[in-house]
Amino acid sequence: MGRAQSIVDRYPDGATVTVYYNPADPSDAVLERGNTPGIGVLYIIGGIFAVAGLLFLFGSATRRVHTGP
């Protein structure tokens, strides 16, 4: 059984569920609070790119990265 199906199975038709919503914007609502399991990977990849960008910026500012002759 796939991940999506296991989530659907937790909420059968007609069941009473708790819905978490933003009172300022009720269209912003979820059935389960918390982080999505894969979100940590995105943060890590984003962090790697951010650090690499800062290193290249620092290297360029200190002339340690050469872009041509």
Foldseek 3Di string as FASTA:
>chain_A
DDPVVVVQVVDDPPDDADKDADPVDRVRIDRDDDDDVCVVVVVVVVVVVVVVVVVVVVCVVVVVDDDDD
